Amino acid sequence: MNLEELWKILDKERSSSALQKLPNNFYEQVSEYILELKNEGGRTDRDDPKAALIEDELNTARIRIESIFNKRIGKIINLASSKVSGLTAYPGGLIAKEKEIFEEVVKIIERGRVAMLDPVLEGGENGSEKEFEPIRKGPAPAISESKSKIKNFALVRILKNIPTFVGADNKNYTVDEEDIITLPLTNAEVLCKRGAALKICFFSDDGDLEKDTR
């Protein structure tokens, strides 16, 4: 794995609405590549010009793999929604870990439909008032080290292209329309108020998944 390979994968994900086929150990391969860069950087003297090049490659690699992840997660959510609506069969291109995510998202959407939409279609109880219980509560999804210092964050769907901005975690974010991404809660709320994003869910200080009742 290297930067060029990561760029090719990201470019393909951006240029197609379908999930491209990746090896099941894709994230393990990237993890090994990141570890190699960190080890090489640790062995290189800070005054050596090569140290700056290694650090730059490491940061770029992290940005690219996160972008690949966000692109694929966005597609998985859309595919899960289509599956629940009966528009598509089980999608191809999912690696093993993504299949688990897809199946969980399908369950969440199905439960949301039963709690919110079905009562309205049947002319019964108001769907907006019926309690919707998430499938389960648990720790927040794994996030980068810079984000781990931010206890409140949200998963949002980006509704329009947004220029690069600095988040509350001091990290630069460059997002495109239809991206699904985790942002610090303060940044997510600003984008939602401006109509630039739609909040999917947020995570409280104790790491539990909360539904947005506002």
C-alpha atoms as a PDB file:
ATOM      1  CA  MET A   1       0.000   0.000   0.000  1.00  0.00           C
ATOM      2  CA  ASN A   2       1.199   3.542  -0.768  1.00  0.00           C
ATOM      3  CA  LEU A   3      -0.106   7.058  -1.364  1.00  0.00           C
ATOM      4  CA  GLU A   4      -0.581   6.518  -5.089  1.00  0.00           C
ATOM      5  CA  GLU A   5      -2.711   3.429  -4.493  1.00  0.00           C
ATOM      6  CA  LEU A   6      -4.816   5.253  -1.901  1.00  0.00           C
ATOM      7  CA  TRP A   7      -5.363   8.127  -4.340  1.00  0.00           C
ATOM      8  CA  LYS A   8      -6.496   5.737  -7.083  1.00  0.00           C
ATOM      9  CA  ILE A   9      -8.990   4.113  -4.724  1.00  0.00           C
ATOM     10  CA  LEU A  10     -10.313   7.474  -3.516  1.00  0.00           C
ATOM     11  CA  ASP A  11     -10.627   8.792  -7.073  1.00  0.00           C
ATOM     12  CA  LYS A  12     -12.671   5.741  -8.099  1.00  0.00           C
ATOM     13  CA  GLU A  13     -14.951   6.102  -5.064  1.00  0.00           C
ATOM     14  CA  ARG A  14     -15.548   9.761  -5.891  1.00  0.00           C
ATOM     15  CA  SER A  15     -16.267   9.128  -9.572  1.00  0.00           C
ATOM     16  CA  SER A  16     -18.801   6.318  -9.118  1.00  0.00           C
ATOM     17  CA  SER A  17     -21.974   5.838  -7.104  1.00  0.00           C
ATOM     18  CA  ALA A  18     -21.157   2.136  -6.759  1.00  0.00           C
ATOM     19  CA  LEU A  19     -18.815   0.590  -4.231  1.00  0.00           C
ATOM     20  CA  GLN A  20     -15.606  -0.556  -5.861  1.00  0.00           C
ATOM     21  CA  LYS A  21     -14.336  -3.986  -4.961  1.00  0.00           C
ATOM     22  CA  LEU A  22     -11.622  -3.965  -2.300  1.00  0.00           C
ATOM     23  CA  PRO A  23      -9.795  -6.851  -0.617  1.00  0.00           C
ATOM     24  CA  ASN A  24     -11.272  -7.902   2.735  1.00  0.00           C
ATOM     25  CA  ASN A  25      -7.994  -6.969   4.422  1.00  0.00           C
ATOM     26  CA  PHE A  26      -7.903  -3.481   2.876  1.00  0.00           C
ATOM     27  CA  TYR A  27      -7.950  -1.644   6.207  1.00  0.00           C
ATOM     28  CA  GLU A  28      -5.337  -4.036   7.608  1.00  0.00           C
ATOM     29  CA  GLN A  29      -3.099  -3.227   4.632  1.00  0.00           C
ATOM     30  CA  VAL A  30      -3.504   0.492   5.256  1.00  0.00           C
ATOM     31  CA  SER A  31      -2.843  -0.007   8.967  1.00  0.00           C
ATOM     32  CA  GLU A  32       0.441  -1.758   8.188  1.00  0.00           C
ATOM     33  CA  TYR A  33       1.394   1.065   5.807  1.00  0.00           C
ATOM     34  CA  ILE A  34       0.638   3.709   8.466  1.00  0.00           C
ATOM     35  CA  LEU A  35       2.627   1.759  11.061  1.00  0.00           C
ATOM     36  CA  GLU A  36       5.610   1.480   8.715  1.00  0.00           C
ATOM     37  CA  LEU A  37       5.586   5.249   8.191  1.00  0.00           C
ATOM     38  CA  LYS A  38       5.368   5.896  11.953  1.00  0.00           C
ATOM     39  CA  ASN A  39       8.237   3.500  12.646  1.00  0.00           C
ATOM     40  CA  GLU A  40      10.345   5.022   9.876  1.00  0.00           C
ATOM     41  CA  GLY A  41       9.660   8.479  11.253  1.00  0.00           C
ATOM     42  CA  GLY A  42      10.677   7.332  14.723  1.00  0.00           C
ATOM     43  CA  ARG A  43      14.003   6.070  13.395  1.00  0.00           C
ATOM     44  CA  THR A  44      14.738   9.289  11.483  1.00  0.00           C
ATOM     45  CA  ASP A  45      16.494  12.209  13.123  1.00  0.00           C
ATOM     46  CA  ARG A  46      14.225  15.264  13.445  1.00  0.00           C
ATOM     47  CA  ASP A  47      16.874  17.436  11.780  1.00  0.00           C
ATOM     48  CA  ASP A  48      16.988  15.152   8.759  1.00  0.00           C
ATOM     49  CA  PRO A  49      14.991  16.664   5.832  1.00  0.00           C
ATOM     50  CA  LYS A  50      13.573  13.187   5.275  1.00  0.00           C
ATOM     51  CA  ALA A  51      11.691  13.442   8.595  1.00  0.00           C
ATOM     52  CA  ALA A  52       9.442  16.200   7.247  1.00  0.00           C
ATOM     53  CA  LEU A  53       8.720  14.175   4.103  1.00  0.00           C
ATOM     54  CA  ILE A  54       7.740  11.137   6.151  1.00  0.00           C
ATOM     55  CA  GLU A  55       5.446  13.222   8.374  1.00  0.00           C
ATOM     56  CA  ASP A  56       3.803  14.781   5.323  1.00  0.00           C
ATOM     57  CA  GLU A  57       3.239  11.359   3.750  1.00  0.00           C
ATOM     58  CA  LEU A  58       1.776  10.062   7.016  1.00  0.00           C
ATOM     59  CA  ASN A  59      -0.679  12.965   7.322  1.00  0.00           C
ATOM     60  CA  THR A  60      -1.701  12.685   3.662  1.00  0.00           C
ATOM     61  CA  ALA A  61      -2.253   8.941   4.000  1.00  0.00           C
ATOM     62  CA  ARG A  62      -4.502   9.484   7.027  1.00  0.00           C
ATOM     63  CA  ILE A  63      -6.557  12.084   5.177  1.00  0.00           C
ATOM     64  CA  ARG A  64      -6.994   9.835   2.153  1.00  0.00           C
ATOM     65  CA  ILE A  65      -8.026   6.734   4.086  1.00  0.00           C
ATOM     66  CA  GLU A  66     -10.530   8.767   6.100  1.00  0.00           C
ATOM     67  CA  SER A  67     -11.954  10.192   2.864  1.00  0.00           C
ATOM     68  CA  ILE A  68     -12.253   6.689   1.424  1.00  0.00           C
ATOM     69  CA  PHE A  69     -14.035   5.520   4.568  1.00  0.00           C
ATOM     70  CA  ASN A  70     -16.473   8.456   4.516  1.00  0.00           C
ATOM     71  CA  LYS A  71     -17.282   7.957   0.831  1.00  0.00           C
ATOM     72  CA  ARG A  72     -17.970   4.267   1.287  1.00  0.00           C
ATOM     73  CA  ILE A  73     -20.040   4.760   4.460  1.00  0.00           C
ATOM     74  CA  GLY A  74     -22.197   7.303   2.614  1.00  0.00           C
ATOM     75  CA  LYS A  75     -22.825   4.782  -0.149  1.00  0.00           C
ATOM     76  CA  ILE A  76     -23.588   2.040   2.377  1.00  0.00           C
ATOM     77  CA  ILE A  77     -26.226   4.204   4.074  1.00  0.00           C
ATOM     78  CA  ASN A  78     -27.847   4.992   0.714  1.00  0.00           C
ATOM     79  CA  LEU A  79     -27.778   1.311  -0.252  1.00  0.00           C
ATOM     80  CA  ALA A  80     -29.338   0.333   3.071  1.00  0.00           C
ATOM     81  CA  SER A  81     -32.137   2.853   2.540  1.00  0.00           C
ATOM     82  CA  SER A  82     -32.765   1.479  -0.959  1.00  0.00           C
ATOM     83  CA  LYS A  83     -32.776  -2.075   0.403  1.00  0.00           C
ATOM     84  CA  VAL A  84     -35.462  -1.219   2.968  1.00  0.00           C
ATOM     85  CA  SER A  85     -37.516   0.464   0.232  1.00  0.00           C
ATOM     86  CA  GLY A  86     -37.256  -2.676  -1.887  1.00  0.00           C
ATOM     87  CA  LEU A  87     -35.410  -0.868  -4.676  1.00  0.00           C
ATOM     88  CA  THR A  88     -32.228  -2.940  -4.589  1.00  0.00           C
ATOM     89  CA  ALA A  89     -31.096  -6.423  -3.646  1.00  0.00           C
ATOM     90  CA  TYR A  90     -28.115  -7.132  -1.403  1.00  0.00           C
ATOM     91  CA  PRO A  91     -25.336  -4.897  -2.774  1.00  0.00           C
ATOM     92  CA  GLY A  92     -21.982  -6.060  -4.044  1.00  0.00           C
ATOM     93  CA  GLY A  93     -18.597  -4.522  -3.328  1.00  0.00           C
ATOM     94  CA  LEU A  94     -18.867  -4.744   0.466  1.00  0.00           C
ATOM     95  CA  ILE A  95     -15.908  -6.046   2.422  1.00  0.00           C
ATOM     96  CA  ALA A  96     -16.626  -8.251   5.453  1.00  0.00           C
ATOM     97  CA  LYS A  97     -16.668  -5.467   8.052  1.00  0.00           C
ATOM     98  CA  GLU A  98     -18.840  -3.272   5.817  1.00  0.00           C
ATOM     99  CA  LYS A  99     -21.413  -6.054   5.498  1.00  0.00           C
ATOM    100  CA  GLU A 100     -21.910  -5.871   9.259  1.00  0.00           C
ATOM    101  CA  ILE A 101     -22.373  -2.096   9.052  1.00  0.00           C
ATOM    102  CA  PHE A 102     -24.830  -2.456   6.144  1.00  0.00           C
ATOM    103  CA  GLU A 103     -26.943  -5.000   8.008  1.00  0.00           C
ATOM    104  CA  GLU A 104     -27.038  -2.866  11.167  1.00  0.00           C
ATOM    105  CA  VAL A 105     -28.058   0.247   9.210  1.00  0.00           C
ATOM    106  CA  VAL A 106     -30.834  -1.725   7.477  1.00  0.00           C
ATOM    107  CA  LYS A 107     -32.166  -2.778  10.894  1.00  0.00           C
ATOM    108  CA  ILE A 108     -32.095   0.803  12.173  1.00  0.00           C
ATOM    109  CA  ILE A 109     -33.950   2.124   9.126  1.00  0.00           C
ATOM    110  CA  GLU A 110     -36.511  -0.682   9.346  1.00  0.00           C
ATOM    111  CA  ARG A 111     -37.171   0.104  13.015  1.00  0.00           C
ATOM    112  CA  GLY A 112     -37.433   3.788  12.193  1.00  0.00           C
ATOM    113  CA  ARG A 113     -39.969   3.037   9.465  1.00  0.00           C
ATOM    114  CA  VAL A 114     -42.097   0.952  11.822  1.00  0.00           C
ATOM    115  CA  ALA A 115     -41.991   3.626  14.535  1.00  0.00           C
ATOM    116  CA  MET A 116     -42.359   6.743  12.384  1.00  0.00           C
ATOM    117  CA  LEU A 117     -43.674   6.087   8.879  1.00  0.00           C
ATOM    118  CA  ASP A 118     -45.983   3.072   9.112  1.00  0.00           C
ATOM    119  CA  PRO A 119     -48.352   4.676  11.677  1.00  0.00           C
ATOM    120  CA  VAL A 120     -48.754   7.689   9.397  1.00  0.00           C
ATOM    121  CA  LEU A 121     -49.433   5.570   6.316  1.00  0.00           C
ATOM    122  CA  GLU A 122     -51.996   3.563   8.252  1.00  0.00           C
ATOM    123  CA  GLY A 123     -53.700   6.682   9.562  1.00  0.00           C
ATOM    124  CA  GLY A 124     -53.043   5.706  13.143  1.00  0.00           C
ATOM    125  CA  GLU A 125     -50.766   7.051  15.806  1.00  0.00           C
ATOM    126  CA  ASN A 126     -48.726  10.073  14.813  1.00  0.00           C
ATOM    127  CA  GLY A 127     -45.325   8.782  13.792  1.00  0.00           C
ATOM    128  CA  SER A 128     -43.519  11.855  15.127  1.00  0.00           C
ATOM    129  CA  GLU A 129     -44.863  11.158  18.633  1.00  0.00           C
ATOM    130  CA  LYS A 130     -44.248   7.428  18.727  1.00  0.00           C
ATOM    131  CA  GLU A 131     -41.116   6.491  20.617  1.00  0.00           C
ATOM    132  CA  PHE A 132     -38.263   5.201  18.469  1.00  0.00           C
ATOM    133  CA  GLU A 133     -35.798   3.051  20.365  1.00  0.00           C
ATOM    134  CA  PRO A 134     -32.404   2.561  18.721  1.00  0.00           C
ATOM    135  CA  ILE A 135     -31.300  -1.026  18.224  1.00  0.00           C
ATOM    136  CA  ARG A 136     -28.681  -0.671  20.899  1.00  0.00           C
ATOM    137  CA  LYS A 137     -26.574   1.767  22.773  1.00  0.00           C
ATOM    138  CA  GLY A 138     -22.829   1.494  22.914  1.00  0.00           C
ATOM    139  CA  PRO A 139     -19.545   3.335  22.615  1.00  0.00           C
ATOM    140  CA  ALA A 140     -19.069   5.909  19.888  1.00  0.00           C
ATOM    141  CA  PRO A 141     -17.474   4.642  16.678  1.00  0.00           C
ATOM    142  CA  ALA A 142     -13.694   4.664  16.443  1.00  0.00           C
ATOM    143  CA  ILE A 143     -12.389   8.109  15.569  1.00  0.00           C
ATOM    144  CA  SER A 144      -9.020   9.675  14.979  1.00  0.00           C
ATOM    145  CA  GLU A 145      -6.761  10.772  17.828  1.00  0.00           C
ATOM    146  CA  SER A 146      -7.450  14.451  17.196  1.00  0.00           C
ATOM    147  CA  LYS A 147     -11.196  13.846  17.436  1.00  0.00           C
ATOM    148  CA  SER A 148     -10.947  11.747  20.598  1.00  0.00           C
ATOM    149  CA  LYS A 149     -10.400  14.927  22.605  1.00  0.00           C
ATOM    150  CA  ILE A 150     -13.831  16.165  21.525  1.00  0.00           C
ATOM    151  CA  LYS A 151     -16.431  14.389  23.666  1.00  0.00           C
ATOM    152  CA  ASN A 152     -19.462  15.631  21.718  1.00  0.00           C
ATOM    153  CA  PHE A 153     -19.625  14.912  18.015  1.00  0.00           C
ATOM    154  CA  ALA A 154     -22.209  14.120  15.367  1.00  0.00           C
ATOM    155  CA  LEU A 155     -22.617  11.989  12.282  1.00  0.00           C
ATOM    156  CA  VAL A 156     -23.956  14.213   9.508  1.00  0.00           C
ATOM    157  CA  ARG A 157     -24.851  14.040   5.837  1.00  0.00           C
ATOM    158  CA  ILE A 158     -23.403  16.915   3.829  1.00  0.00           C
ATOM    159  CA  LEU A 159     -25.967  18.580   1.553  1.00  0.00           C
ATOM    160  CA  LYS A 160     -23.647  20.829  -0.459  1.00  0.00           C
ATOM    161  CA  ASN A 161     -19.956  21.265  -1.247  1.00  0.00           C
ATOM    162  CA  ILE A 162     -18.224  23.228   1.524  1.00  0.00           C
ATOM    163  CA  PRO A 163     -14.834  24.977   1.387  1.00  0.00           C
ATOM    164  CA  THR A 164     -12.150  23.547   3.666  1.00  0.00           C
ATOM    165  CA  PHE A 165     -12.691  24.630   7.273  1.00  0.00           C
ATOM    166  CA  VAL A 166     -10.994  24.091  10.632  1.00  0.00           C
ATOM    167  CA  GLY A 167     -13.050  22.079  13.119  1.00  0.00           C
ATOM    168  CA  ALA A 168     -13.274  22.469  16.871  1.00  0.00           C
ATOM    169  CA  ASP A 169     -10.683  19.689  17.068  1.00  0.00           C
ATOM    170  CA  ASN A 170      -8.226  21.870  15.085  1.00  0.00           C
ATOM    171  CA  LYS A 171      -8.438  19.514  12.123  1.00  0.00           C
ATOM    172  CA  ASN A 172      -8.998  20.679   8.537  1.00  0.00           C
ATOM    173  CA  TYR A 173     -12.153  19.310   6.894  1.00  0.00           C
ATOM    174  CA  THR A 174     -12.857  19.229   3.164  1.00  0.00           C
ATOM    175  CA  VAL A 175     -16.250  17.714   2.387  1.00  0.00           C
ATOM    176  CA  ASP A 176     -18.370  17.245  -0.695  1.00  0.00           C
ATOM    177  CA  GLU A 177     -22.097  16.955  -1.246  1.00  0.00           C
ATOM    178  CA  GLU A 178     -23.513  13.595  -0.050  1.00  0.00           C
ATOM    179  CA  ASP A 179     -20.508  12.841   2.164  1.00  0.00           C
ATOM    180  CA  ILE A 180     -21.305  11.126   5.478  1.00  0.00           C
ATOM    181  CA  ILE A 181     -18.824  12.294   8.096  1.00  0.00           C
ATOM    182  CA  THR A 182     -18.285  12.590  11.833  1.00  0.00           C
ATOM    183  CA  LEU A 183     -17.747  16.196  12.979  1.00  0.00           C
ATOM    184  CA  PRO A 184     -17.376  17.922  16.341  1.00  0.00           C
ATOM    185  CA  LEU A 185     -20.911  18.686  17.532  1.00  0.00           C
ATOM    186  CA  THR A 186     -20.395  22.467  17.476  1.00  0.00           C
ATOM    187  CA  ASN A 187     -19.362  22.393  13.805  1.00  0.00           C
ATOM    188  CA  ALA A 188     -22.173  19.985  12.913  1.00  0.00           C
ATOM    189  CA  GLU A 189     -24.780  22.272  14.486  1.00  0.00           C
ATOM    190  CA  VAL A 190     -23.486  25.320  12.580  1.00  0.00           C
ATOM    191  CA  LEU A 191     -23.659  23.463   9.240  1.00  0.00           C
ATOM    192  CA  CYS A 192     -27.141  22.142  10.011  1.00  0.00           C
ATOM    193  CA  LYS A 193     -28.418  25.630  10.880  1.00  0.00           C
ATOM    194  CA  ARG A 194     -27.057  26.896   7.558  1.00  0.00           C
ATOM    195  CA  GLY A 195     -28.807  24.111   5.662  1.00  0.00           C
ATOM    196  CA  ALA A 196     -25.465  22.658   4.592  1.00  0.00           C
ATOM    197  CA  ALA A 197     -25.793  19.388   6.502  1.00  0.00           C
ATOM    198  CA  LEU A 198     -28.351  17.009   7.957  1.00  0.00           C
ATOM    199  CA  LYS A 199     -27.661  15.502  11.370  1.00  0.00           C
ATOM    200  CA  ILE A 200     -28.067  11.724  11.468  1.00  0.00           C
ATOM    201  CA  CYS A 201     -27.193  11.182  15.124  1.00  0.00           C
ATOM    202  CA  PHE A 202     -24.925  12.538  17.809  1.00  0.00           C
ATOM    203  CA  PHE A 203     -22.929  11.128  20.701  1.00  0.00           C
ATOM    204  CA  SER A 204     -23.093  12.436  24.250  1.00  0.00           C
ATOM    205  CA  ASP A 205     -20.303  12.914  26.775  1.00  0.00           C
ATOM    206  CA  ASP A 206     -20.572   9.322  27.989  1.00  0.00           C
ATOM    207  CA  GLY A 207     -20.208   7.990  24.423  1.00  0.00           C
ATOM    208  CA  ASP A 208     -23.793   6.737  24.125  1.00  0.00           C
ATOM    209  CA  LEU A 209     -25.733   7.161  20.939  1.00  0.00           C
ATOM    210  CA  GLU A 210     -28.492   9.715  21.295  1.00  0.00           C
ATOM    211  CA  LYS A 211     -31.346  10.517  18.965  1.00  0.00           C
ATOM    212  CA  ASP A 212     -31.830  14.136  18.005  1.00  0.00           C
ATOM    213  CA  THR A 213     -35.166  15.188  19.459  1.00  0.00           C
ATOM    214  CA  ARG A 214     -34.892  18.876  18.674  1.00  0.00           C
END
